[in-house]
């Protein structure tokens, strides 16, 4: 939402347009979290890490909603695929990394 529109709406509807800071995920190298022997898998994990880092960089600044949506659209398919793979393979070798949001 553009700043001028947000300001106008918040003036007339202060309870309707809250402004929150975006949460920022912790940087992590997914290829170090998941053990993978195949090169294609390692490359995919590296690409997922790059998409995650782009999202983190976007959230650290003062992004527009469009920038956040674009970064999420790039990273979320990796995230959902990783979640599905992990759910389908409970014995997938991983490190015990904890992921936190700041």
Protein backbone atom coordinates (compact mmCIF):
# COMPACT_ATOMS: atom_id res chain seq x y z
CA UNK A 1 0.00 0.00 0.00
CA UNK A 2 1.41 3.38 -0.91
CA UNK A 3 2.41 5.63 1.99
CA UNK A 4 -0.01 8.41 1.03
CA UNK A 5 -2.92 5.97 0.76
CA UNK A 6 -1.96 4.37 4.09
CA UNK A 7 -1.78 7.80 5.74
CA UNK A 8 -5.16 8.78 4.35
CA UNK A 9 -6.82 5.55 5.42
CA UNK A 10 -5.26 5.57 8.87
CA UNK A 11 -6.50 9.14 9.41
CA UNK A 12 -10.09 8.08 8.70
CA UNK A 13 -9.92 4.50 9.94
CA UNK A 14 -7.13 4.30 12.54
CA UNK A 15 -8.10 0.86 13.81
CA UNK A 16 -8.40 -0.65 10.34
CA UNK A 17 -4.90 0.04 9.00
CA UNK A 18 -2.32 -1.12 11.54
CA UNK A 19 1.33 -0.82 10.56
CA UNK A 20 3.55 -3.69 11.66
CA UNK A 21 7.20 -4.40 11.09
CA UNK A 22 7.87 -7.51 9.03
CA UNK A 23 9.49 -10.41 10.90
CA UNK A 24 12.97 -11.27 9.65
CA UNK A 25 14.06 -14.93 9.48
CA UNK A 26 17.50 -16.05 10.55
CA UNK A 27 20.01 -16.56 7.75
CA UNK A 28 20.84 -20.23 7.24
CA UNK A 29 22.54 -22.32 4.56
CA UNK A 30 20.04 -25.05 3.77
CA UNK A 31 22.74 -27.13 2.07
CA UNK A 32 24.42 -27.36 5.49
CA UNK A 33 21.21 -28.34 7.26
CA UNK A 34 20.23 -31.16 4.90
CA UNK A 35 22.69 -33.88 4.02
CA UNK A 36 22.49 -34.63 0.32
CA UNK A 37 24.88 -36.67 -1.79
CA UNK A 38 23.46 -35.83 -5.21
CA UNK A 39 24.78 -32.70 -6.90
CA UNK A 40 21.32 -31.74 -8.22
CA UNK A 41 19.99 -31.79 -4.67
CA UNK A 42 22.85 -29.63 -3.42
CA UNK A 43 22.29 -27.14 -6.24
CA UNK A 44 18.55 -27.01 -5.45
CA UNK A 45 19.28 -26.39 -1.76
CA UNK A 46 21.73 -23.67 -2.72
CA UNK A 47 19.07 -22.01 -4.89
CA UNK A 48 16.58 -22.26 -2.01
CA UNK A 49 19.13 -20.60 0.28
CA UNK A 50 19.62 -17.80 -2.25
CA UNK A 51 15.85 -17.20 -2.46
CA UNK A 52 15.63 -17.20 1.35
CA UNK A 53 18.49 -14.69 1.56
CA UNK A 54 16.75 -12.42 -0.95
CA UNK A 55 13.65 -12.49 1.25
CA UNK A 56 15.75 -11.69 4.34
CA UNK A 57 17.46 -8.78 2.56
CA UNK A 58 14.08 -7.47 1.43
CA UNK A 59 12.62 -7.63 4.95
CA UNK A 60 15.61 -5.89 6.53
CA UNK A 61 14.97 -2.69 4.61
CA UNK A 62 11.77 -0.73 4.31
CA UNK A 63 10.16 -2.79 1.58
CA UNK A 64 6.95 -1.99 -0.19
CA UNK A 65 4.25 -4.67 0.00
CA UNK A 66 4.96 -5.47 -3.67
CA UNK A 67 8.63 -6.15 -2.88
CA UNK A 68 7.66 -8.46 -0.01
CA UNK A 69 5.17 -10.33 -2.19
CA UNK A 70 7.74 -10.77 -4.96
CA UNK A 71 10.36 -12.09 -2.52
CA UNK A 72 7.82 -14.46 -0.96
CA UNK A 73 6.67 -15.71 -4.37
CA UNK A 74 10.29 -16.57 -5.14
CA UNK A 75 11.08 -18.29 -1.82
CA UNK A 76 7.80 -19.98 -0.81
CA UNK A 77 7.85 -22.66 -3.57
CA UNK A 78 11.25 -23.77 -2.23
CA UNK A 79 9.95 -23.69 1.33
CA UNK A 80 6.83 -25.72 0.52
CA UNK A 81 8.82 -28.26 -1.52
CA UNK A 82 11.30 -28.63 1.33
CA UNK A 83 8.47 -29.08 3.82
CA UNK A 84 6.80 -31.71 1.61
CA UNK A 85 10.09 -33.56 1.12
CA UNK A 86 10.80 -33.53 4.85
CA UNK A 87 7.28 -34.73 5.66
CA UNK A 88 7.51 -37.55 3.09
CA UNK A 89 10.99 -38.61 4.27
CA UNK A 90 11.09 -38.50 8.09
CA UNK A 91 14.49 -40.22 8.05
CA UNK A 92 16.04 -37.50 5.88
CA UNK A 93 19.44 -36.74 7.40
CA UNK A 94 19.52 -33.25 8.86
CA UNK A 95 21.43 -31.29 11.44
CA UNK A 96 19.54 -30.11 14.51
CA UNK A 97 19.35 -26.46 13.45
CA UNK A 98 16.72 -24.26 15.06
CA UNK A 99 15.10 -21.55 12.97
CA UNK A 100 14.05 -18.37 14.67
CA UNK A 101 12.46 -15.10 13.64
CA UNK A 102 13.67 -11.73 14.86
